[in-house]
Amino acid sequence: MHFSVRNLINKSRNPNYEKDITYVMKHNKWVLISIGIWPTVLKNIGKFLPKIVIGINNLMCFFILIQSALHIILEQKDTLLRLKFFGLIFFSFMSLMKYWALTIRKPEIEHCIQQVQSDWKQVKMENDRELMLKYGIIGRNLTIYSILFMYISGIMYISFMQYAMRLQINNDNQTNKVLIFPAYSNSIQKSPIYEITYGIQCICGYVLDSVTSGACGLAALFVTHACGQIDVVISRLDDLVAGQFYKKNSNPNIQVIKIIKHHIKILKFSAVVEKVLQEVFFLEFISSTFVICLLEYYCITDWEQNNIISLTSYALLLISLTFNMFLLCYIGDLLIHKSGNIGVAVFMIDWYHLPAKTIQNLILIMAMSNSPAKLSVGRIVDLSLSTFGNVRLD
C-alpha cells in the first residue's frame, strides 16, 4: 500500500485503542492482578492493596514451604515419597523466587506496560493496527495456552493426585487426611486446623501457578508487541520509496529519521524487557530443567506401579512445564528473527531510487540489525528454539 493511500485511511489516532489494549492484555491483567503485580490505578488507601496482596501471598507460601521442608527432613522415611515431595517443594520455592523477582521489577514492568499502551494509542493508520493485532493475537493465544496448562495441571494435582498419594501413604490402615503440601505437625489433622491449612495450601498453589503463567504471559505480551512494531517499521520502509512517486514534496531524509527513531525505540524497549525478565527467565530455565527430569522419573515409577491417576497428573505437569519452556524459547527466537529482518527489508526495497544521502542513512539501519534484540537466561544463554532443543536432549 502506497504512502499517500495509507495516509488517507485514518489521520486521527487509533479510535479503538482501548478495545485493542483490553483484547491483547486482558488475560495477563486477570492473572497478575490476583497476585499484586499488575499496575493499579486505585488511589488513596486502594493503592496499597497490591502491596498487601503480595505480603499475604508471601507469608502463606513461606509458611507452607517451611512446613513441607520440615516434614521431608524430619518425618518422612519413604525414599520415593521424599523424592516426590522434594520435586514439589523445589518447584514451589523457585516459583516463589520468581514472585520475588517480579515484585522487585514491578516499576519496570509498569513502565513496559505503559509503553505498550502508548504505542497502541498512537497508531494512526489501519494497516499499522492490523500489523500490531497480528502479533497481539499471537501473544494473547500463547498467554491463554500457558494459563490453561498451568491451572489444569494444578487442579489435577490438587484433586486427583491427592487420592493417589493417600493410597500409597495409608498402607498401614491409617486414616490421615491428605494435604496438597506435606505438613510437619500431626496437630494439623485436627479440625478446623486442617480446613484452614488446606485452604491456605490451595491459595498457595494458585499463587505459584499464577506466577509461572503470569511471567510467561508478560514475556509473550512484550515480545509480540515488539515484533508488531518491527513490522510497522518494515512497512514504513516499503512506503519510503513509494513516497518518492506518489507524494509531492516528500523528503525521504525526514522519513528515514523517523524510521531510525522508531527502530531505536524498539531496540530500547526490547533491552528493557530483557533486563526486567532475565532473572525470571533464569529461574524458569533452572527449575524447568530440573523438575522436568524429576517428573520423567515419577512417570516411569508410576508406570511400573500401574498408578494411572498419579501418572496422569505428573504427565500433565510435565506437558505444562515443557510448554512454558517452549513458549519462552519460541518468543526469544521470534524476536531474534524479526529484529534481524529489518536489515533484509532495507535491502529488498527499491533503494536505488532514493537520493545518495538517504541511502547512506539506510546503511545505519542495516548495521543495527546485525545485532538483533535477544532474550537471555540471566545473560548466560540466549532463549531460542536451539536452546529448547538442547534442554530437551539433555
Protein backbone atom coordinates (compact mmCIF):
# COMPACT_ATOMS: atom_id res chain seq x y z
CA MET A 1 0.00 0.00 0.00
CA HIS A 2 1.45 3.35 -1.05
CA PHE A 3 2.20 6.11 1.39
CA SER A 4 -0.38 8.53 0.02
CA VAL A 5 -3.12 5.91 0.16
CA ARG A 6 -2.20 4.90 3.71
CA ASN A 7 -2.45 8.48 4.91
CA LEU A 8 -5.99 8.73 3.59
CA ILE A 9 -7.17 5.76 5.66
CA ASN A 10 -7.10 7.37 9.04
CA LYS A 11 -5.40 10.61 10.02
CA SER A 12 -6.55 10.50 13.62
CA ARG A 13 -5.18 8.41 16.42
CA ASN A 14 -6.43 4.87 16.86
CA PRO A 15 -10.09 5.29 17.92
CA ASN A 16 -10.20 1.62 19.01
CA TYR A 17 -7.11 1.67 21.19
CA GLU A 18 -8.99 0.93 24.43
CA LYS A 19 -10.67 -2.09 22.88
CA ASP A 20 -7.38 -3.26 21.35
CA ILE A 21 -5.48 -2.89 24.63
CA THR A 22 -8.17 -4.78 26.52
CA TYR A 23 -8.20 -7.55 23.92
CA VAL A 24 -4.43 -8.01 23.97
CA MET A 25 -3.80 -7.58 27.73
CA LYS A 26 -6.96 -8.94 29.29
CA HIS A 27 -5.70 -12.36 30.37
CA ASN A 28 -2.36 -11.05 31.61
CA LYS A 29 -4.22 -8.47 33.67
CA TRP A 30 -6.55 -11.05 35.23
CA VAL A 31 -3.67 -13.25 36.37
CA LEU A 32 -1.25 -10.56 37.53
CA ILE A 33 -3.86 -8.50 39.39
CA SER A 34 -4.63 -11.54 41.56
CA ILE A 35 -1.00 -11.67 42.76
CA GLY A 36 -0.49 -7.89 43.01
CA ILE A 37 1.97 -7.45 40.11
CA TRP A 38 -0.21 -5.62 37.58
CA PRO A 39 -0.04 -1.81 37.99
CA THR A 40 -3.12 -0.40 39.71
CA VAL A 41 -4.98 2.84 39.03
CA LEU A 42 -6.51 2.95 42.52
CA LYS A 43 -5.92 6.00 44.72
CA ASN A 44 -5.67 6.73 48.44
CA ILE A 45 -5.88 3.54 50.51
CA GLY A 46 -6.57 1.41 47.44
CA LYS A 47 -3.10 1.98 46.03
CA PHE A 48 -1.65 -0.08 48.92
CA LEU A 49 -3.85 -3.08 48.08
CA PRO A 50 -1.30 -4.76 45.72
CA LYS A 51 1.38 -4.49 48.43
CA ILE A 52 -0.97 -6.11 50.94
CA VAL A 53 -1.76 -8.92 48.48
CA ILE A 54 1.95 -9.51 47.80
CA GLY A 55 2.74 -9.55 51.53
CA ILE A 56 -0.06 -12.01 52.40
CA ASN A 57 0.81 -14.32 49.50
CA ASN A 58 4.48 -14.40 50.51
CA LEU A 59 3.67 -15.16 54.14
CA MET A 60 1.33 -18.02 53.23
CA CYS A 61 3.71 -19.58 50.71
CA PHE A 62 6.70 -19.20 53.02
CA PHE A 63 4.80 -20.85 55.90
CA ILE A 64 3.72 -23.78 53.72
CA LEU A 65 7.22 -24.34 52.32
CA ILE A 66 8.80 -24.37 55.78
CA GLN A 67 6.21 -26.90 56.97
CA SER A 68 6.87 -29.12 53.95
CA ALA A 69 10.65 -28.93 54.27
CA LEU A 70 10.48 -29.92 57.95
CA HIS A 71 8.27 -32.89 57.06
CA ILE A 72 10.68 -34.13 54.40
CA ILE A 73 13.75 -33.74 56.59
CA LEU A 74 12.43 -34.90 59.96
CA GLU A 75 9.36 -37.10 59.44
CA GLN A 76 9.16 -38.72 56.02
CA LYS A 77 11.07 -42.01 55.81
CA ASP A 78 9.84 -43.36 52.45
CA THR A 79 12.54 -42.59 49.87
CA LEU A 80 10.20 -42.40 46.86
CA LEU A 81 7.69 -40.14 48.62
CA ARG A 82 10.54 -37.99 49.92
CA LEU A 83 11.81 -37.58 46.35
CA LYS A 84 8.32 -36.72 45.08
CA PHE A 85 7.82 -34.16 47.81
CA PHE A 86 11.26 -32.72 47.10
CA GLY A 87 10.28 -32.06 43.47
CA LEU A 88 7.13 -30.28 44.63
CA ILE A 89 9.00 -28.17 47.18
CA PHE A 90 11.78 -27.29 44.74
CA PHE A 91 9.30 -26.13 42.08
CA SER A 92 7.33 -24.14 44.67
CA PHE A 93 10.43 -22.47 46.06
CA MET A 94 11.66 -21.50 42.60
CA SER A 95 8.22 -20.12 41.78
CA LEU A 96 8.34 -18.09 44.99
CA MET A 97 11.71 -16.71 43.93
CA LYS A 98 10.20 -15.74 40.57
CA TYR A 99 7.48 -13.96 42.53
CA TRP A 100 10.14 -12.01 44.40
CA ALA A 101 11.88 -11.14 41.12
CA LEU A 102 8.62 -9.87 39.61
CA THR A 103 7.90 -7.87 42.75
CA ILE A 104 11.33 -6.19 42.67
CA ARG A 105 10.94 -5.43 38.95
CA LYS A 106 7.37 -4.19 39.28
CA PRO A 107 8.18 -0.50 38.49
CA GLU A 108 9.98 -1.53 35.28
CA ILE A 109 7.11 -3.87 34.36
CA GLU A 110 4.69 -0.98 34.82
CA HIS A 111 6.85 1.17 32.53
CA CYS A 112 6.82 -1.53 29.81
CA ILE A 113 3.03 -1.92 30.10
CA GLN A 114 2.59 1.85 29.77
CA GLN A 115 4.84 1.82 26.70
CA VAL A 116 2.70 -0.88 25.09
CA GLN A 117 -0.46 1.09 25.84
CA SER A 118 1.10 4.28 24.46
CA ASP A 119 2.08 2.56 21.21
CA TRP A 120 -1.46 1.27 20.73
CA LYS A 121 -2.89 4.71 21.40
CA GLN A 122 -0.59 6.37 18.86
CA VAL A 123 -1.49 4.11 15.92
CA LYS A 124 -2.67 6.38 13.11
CA MET A 125 -3.19 4.05 10.14
CA GLU A 126 -5.39 1.00 9.89
CA ASN A 127 -2.66 -1.06 8.25
CA ASP A 128 -0.38 -0.46 11.24
CA ARG A 129 -3.18 -1.51 13.58
CA GLU A 130 -3.62 -4.74 11.62
CA LEU A 131 0.11 -5.50 11.81
CA MET A 132 0.12 -4.95 15.57
CA LEU A 133 -3.04 -7.00 16.06
CA LYS A 134 -1.47 -9.87 14.11
CA TYR A 135 1.23 -10.30 16.74
CA GLY A 136 -1.03 -9.17 19.58
CA ILE A 137 -3.26 -12.17 18.84
CA ILE A 138 -0.21 -14.46 18.89
CA GLY A 139 0.82 -13.13 22.32
CA ARG A 140 -2.75 -13.40 23.59
CA ASN A 141 -3.07 -17.03 22.44
CA LEU A 142 0.28 -18.01 23.95
CA THR A 143 -0.80 -16.47 27.25
CA ILE A 144 -4.10 -18.37 27.20
CA TYR A 145 -2.33 -21.67 26.50
CA SER A 146 0.13 -21.10 29.34
CA ILE A 147 -2.69 -20.27 31.77
CA LEU A 148 -4.73 -23.31 30.73
CA PHE A 149 -1.81 -25.72 31.02
CA MET A 150 -0.72 -24.42 34.43
CA TYR A 151 -4.18 -24.24 36.01
CA ILE A 152 -5.42 -27.57 34.61
CA SER A 153 -2.29 -29.40 35.78
CA GLY A 154 -2.53 -27.62 39.16
CA ILE A 155 -6.18 -28.61 39.60
CA MET A 156 -5.35 -32.18 38.63
CA TYR A 157 -2.62 -32.31 41.27
CA ILE A 158 -4.79 -30.76 43.97
CA SER A 159 -7.69 -33.14 43.33
CA PHE A 160 -6.82 -36.49 41.73
CA MET A 161 -3.18 -36.63 42.78
CA GLN A 162 -4.09 -36.44 46.45
CA TYR A 163 -6.25 -39.53 46.10
CA ALA A 164 -3.34 -41.43 44.56
CA MET A 165 -0.95 -40.28 47.31
CA ARG A 166 -3.39 -41.37 50.03
CA LEU A 167 -3.45 -44.88 48.59
CA GLN A 168 0.32 -45.03 48.93
CA ILE A 169 0.56 -43.42 52.35
CA ASN A 170 -2.19 -45.38 54.05
CA ASN A 171 -0.81 -48.89 53.59
CA ASP A 172 -0.77 -49.22 57.40
CA ASN A 173 -4.55 -48.56 57.52
CA GLN A 174 -4.14 -45.05 58.95
CA THR A 175 -6.87 -42.57 58.19
CA ASN A 176 -4.84 -39.38 57.98
CA LYS A 177 -6.35 -36.56 55.98
CA VAL A 178 -4.31 -35.69 52.89
CA LEU A 179 -2.93 -32.21 52.25
CA ILE A 180 -1.62 -30.70 49.00
CA PHE A 181 1.75 -29.97 50.61
CA PRO A 182 3.13 -32.28 53.32
CA ALA A 183 2.76 -30.88 56.84
CA TYR A 184 5.15 -31.23 59.77
CA SER A 185 2.83 -31.38 62.78
CA ASN A 186 0.17 -34.04 63.49
CA SER A 187 -1.98 -31.38 65.15
CA ILE A 188 -2.87 -30.16 61.64
CA GLN A 189 -5.08 -33.25 61.29
CA LYS A 190 -7.49 -31.76 63.81
CA SER A 191 -10.48 -29.70 62.69
CA PRO A 192 -10.67 -26.74 61.96
CA ILE A 193 -6.86 -26.52 61.70
CA TYR A 194 -6.92 -28.98 58.80
CA GLU A 195 -9.54 -26.99 56.86
CA ILE A 196 -7.66 -23.73 57.37
CA THR A 197 -4.35 -25.29 56.36
CA TYR A 198 -5.88 -26.93 53.31
CA GLY A 199 -7.41 -23.60 52.22
CA ILE A 200 -4.08 -21.81 52.64
CA GLN A 201 -2.34 -24.51 50.61
CA CYS A 202 -4.91 -24.17 47.81
CA ILE A 203 -4.31 -20.42 47.70
CA CYS A 204 -0.56 -21.02 47.76
CA GLY A 205 -0.86 -23.43 44.81
CA TYR A 206 -2.90 -20.89 42.87
CA VAL A 207 -0.35 -18.13 43.56
CA LEU A 208 2.60 -20.26 42.42
CA ASP A 209 0.81 -21.35 39.23
CA SER A 210 -0.20 -17.73 38.58
CA VAL A 211 3.41 -16.56 38.96
CA THR A 212 4.62 -19.00 36.31
CA SER A 213 1.79 -18.37 33.85
CA GLY A 214 1.89 -14.61 34.53
CA ALA A 215 5.63 -14.37 33.85
CA CYS A 216 5.28 -16.32 30.60
CA GLY A 217 2.29 -14.17 29.63
CA LEU A 218 4.24 -10.96 30.26
CA ALA A 219 7.12 -12.19 28.12
CA ALA A 220 4.71 -13.13 25.31
CA LEU A 221 2.94 -9.76 25.54
CA PHE A 222 6.10 -7.65 25.39
CA VAL A 223 7.92 -9.65 22.72
CA THR A 224 4.97 -9.95 20.35
CA HIS A 225 4.36 -6.22 20.77
CA ALA A 226 7.98 -5.54 19.77
CA CYS A 227 7.54 -7.83 16.75
CA GLY A 228 4.44 -5.91 15.72
CA GLN A 229 6.36 -2.64 15.97
CA ILE A 230 9.13 -4.12 13.83
CA ASP A 231 6.57 -4.94 11.13
CA VAL A 232 5.40 -1.32 11.30
CA VAL A 233 8.99 -0.17 10.69
CA ILE A 234 9.29 -2.56 7.73
CA SER A 235 6.03 -1.15 6.38
CA ARG A 236 7.47 2.36 6.69
CA LEU A 237 10.49 1.25 4.69
CA ASP A 238 8.21 0.00 1.92
CA ASP A 239 6.48 3.39 1.88
CA LEU A 240 9.78 5.26 1.76
CA VAL A 241 10.36 4.66 -1.95
CA ALA A 242 6.65 4.84 -2.82
CA GLY A 243 6.51 8.31 -1.29
CA GLN A 244 9.00 9.48 -3.89
CA PHE A 245 6.46 8.89 -6.66
CA TYR A 246 3.06 9.29 -5.05
CA LYS A 247 3.53 12.19 -2.65
CA LYS A 248 4.61 15.64 -3.73
CA ASN A 249 7.28 17.46 -1.76
CA SER A 250 8.16 14.25 0.08
CA ASN A 251 11.50 14.47 1.89
CA PRO A 252 12.95 10.93 2.22
CA ASN A 253 15.57 12.11 4.72
CA ILE A 254 12.89 13.17 7.19
CA GLN A 255 11.12 9.83 6.73
CA VAL A 256 14.37 7.93 7.31
CA ILE A 257 14.97 9.90 10.52
CA LYS A 258 11.51 8.89 11.76
CA ILE A 259 12.18 5.26 10.84
CA ILE A 260 15.53 5.24 12.64
CA LYS A 261 13.99 6.80 15.76
CA HIS A 262 11.23 4.19 15.71
CA HIS A 263 13.80 1.42 15.28
CA ILE A 264 15.88 2.71 18.20
CA LYS A 265 12.74 2.91 20.33
CA ILE A 266 12.01 -0.76 19.62
CA LEU A 267 15.57 -1.80 20.47
CA LYS A 268 15.46 0.14 23.75
CA PHE A 269 12.11 -1.42 24.64
CA SER A 270 13.46 -4.91 23.89
CA ALA A 271 16.54 -4.21 26.02
CA VAL A 272 14.35 -3.11 28.95
CA VAL A 273 12.20 -6.25 28.61
CA GLU A 274 15.31 -8.43 28.60
CA LYS A 275 16.64 -6.65 31.69
CA VAL A 276 13.33 -6.84 33.56
CA LEU A 277 12.68 -10.53 32.94
CA GLN A 278 16.19 -12.01 32.82
CA GLU A 279 16.06 -13.18 36.45
CA VAL A 280 12.66 -14.77 35.86
CA PHE A 281 13.98 -16.49 32.72
CA PHE A 282 16.99 -17.78 34.66
CA LEU A 283 14.86 -19.21 37.47
CA GLU A 284 12.38 -20.69 34.98
CA PHE A 285 15.20 -22.28 32.99
CA ILE A 286 16.80 -23.86 36.07
CA SER A 287 13.57 -25.03 37.70
CA SER A 288 12.00 -26.36 34.49
CA THR A 289 15.13 -28.31 33.53
CA PHE A 290 15.45 -29.92 36.96
CA VAL A 291 11.75 -30.54 37.61
CA ILE A 292 11.17 -31.95 34.10
CA CYS A 293 13.84 -34.57 34.84
CA LEU A 294 12.14 -35.43 38.13
CA LEU A 295 8.71 -35.63 36.51
CA GLU A 296 10.02 -38.01 33.87
CA TYR A 297 11.34 -40.21 36.68
CA TYR A 298 7.99 -40.02 38.50
CA CYS A 299 6.17 -41.06 35.34
CA ILE A 300 8.45 -44.08 34.92
CA THR A 301 7.97 -45.25 38.52
CA ASP A 302 4.18 -44.76 38.40
CA TRP A 303 4.05 -46.61 35.09
CA GLU A 304 5.85 -49.56 36.71
CA GLN A 305 3.45 -49.42 39.68
CA ASN A 306 0.44 -49.11 37.32
CA ASN A 307 -0.69 -45.97 39.16
CA ILE A 308 -2.74 -44.35 36.40
CA ILE A 309 -4.03 -41.41 38.45
CA SER A 310 -0.59 -40.32 39.59
CA LEU A 311 0.86 -40.94 36.12
CA THR A 312 -1.79 -38.72 34.51
CA SER A 313 -1.18 -35.89 36.98
CA TYR A 314 2.59 -35.97 36.51
CA ALA A 315 2.21 -36.20 32.73
CA LEU A 316 0.08 -33.03 32.72
CA LEU A 317 2.64 -31.23 34.88
CA LEU A 318 5.38 -32.39 32.53
CA ILE A 319 3.49 -31.10 29.49
CA SER A 320 2.78 -27.80 31.24
CA LEU A 321 6.41 -27.08 32.21
CA THR A 322 7.68 -28.21 28.82
CA PHE A 323 5.23 -25.90 27.07
CA ASN A 324 6.25 -22.92 29.23
CA MET A 325 9.89 -23.54 28.39
CA PHE A 326 8.99 -23.87 24.71
CA LEU A 327 6.96 -20.64 24.88
CA LEU A 328 9.91 -18.64 26.21
CA CYS A 329 12.31 -20.13 23.66
CA TYR A 330 9.82 -19.58 20.84
CA ILE A 331 9.26 -15.90 21.56
CA GLY A 332 13.00 -15.41 22.04
CA ASP A 333 13.63 -16.99 18.63
CA LEU A 334 10.84 -14.89 17.11
CA LEU A 335 12.39 -11.68 18.43
CA ILE A 336 15.83 -12.58 17.05
CA HIS A 337 14.49 -13.30 13.57
CA LYS A 338 12.12 -10.33 13.41
CA SER A 339 14.71 -7.78 14.56
CA GLY A 340 17.19 -9.19 12.04
CA ASN A 341 14.64 -8.96 9.22
CA ILE A 342 14.79 -5.15 9.23
CA GLY A 343 18.18 -5.26 7.52
CA VAL A 344 16.82 -7.63 4.88
CA ALA A 345 13.82 -5.34 4.37
CA VAL A 346 16.12 -2.36 3.78
CA PHE A 347 17.98 -4.26 1.09
CA MET A 348 14.81 -5.52 -0.61
CA ILE A 349 13.21 -2.11 -1.16
CA ASP A 350 13.98 -0.12 -4.34
CA TRP A 351 16.62 1.87 -2.51
CA TYR A 352 18.39 2.80 -5.77
CA HIS A 353 15.56 5.30 -6.46
CA LEU A 354 16.47 7.27 -3.34
CA PRO A 355 18.99 10.11 -3.03
CA ALA A 356 22.57 9.12 -2.20
CA LYS A 357 22.45 10.75 1.24
CA THR A 358 19.28 8.81 2.13
CA ILE A 359 20.92 5.54 1.05
CA GLN A 360 23.83 6.25 3.38
CA ASN A 361 21.40 6.70 6.25
CA LEU A 362 19.78 3.35 5.46
CA ILE A 363 23.15 1.67 5.98
CA LEU A 364 22.85 2.59 9.66
CA ILE A 365 19.62 0.59 9.94
CA MET A 366 21.27 -2.42 8.28
CA ALA A 367 24.22 -2.17 10.67
CA MET A 368 21.92 -2.04 13.70
CA SER A 369 20.02 -5.12 12.50
CA ASN A 370 23.27 -7.13 12.51
CA SER A 371 22.97 -7.19 16.32
CA PRO A 372 19.35 -8.28 16.77
CA ALA A 373 17.45 -7.93 20.02
CA LYS A 374 17.56 -11.05 22.21
CA LEU A 375 16.19 -12.53 25.39
CA SER A 376 18.72 -14.21 27.65
CA VAL A 377 18.72 -16.53 30.62
CA GLY A 378 20.49 -14.30 33.13
CA ARG A 379 22.76 -13.15 30.24
CA ILE A 380 24.23 -16.66 30.16
CA VAL A 381 22.23 -18.40 27.41
CA ASP A 382 20.09 -16.83 24.69
CA LEU A 383 16.49 -18.02 24.54
CA SER A 384 15.88 -19.63 21.16
CA LEU A 385 14.48 -22.84 19.68
CA SER A 386 18.00 -24.29 19.54
CA THR A 387 18.27 -23.71 23.31
CA PHE A 388 14.97 -25.54 23.81
CA GLY A 389 16.27 -28.44 21.74
CA ASN A 390 19.43 -28.62 23.84
CA VAL A 391 17.39 -28.66 27.07
CA ARG A 392 15.18 -31.48 25.81
CA LEU A 393 18.16 -33.51 24.53
CA ASP A 394 19.95 -33.12 27.85
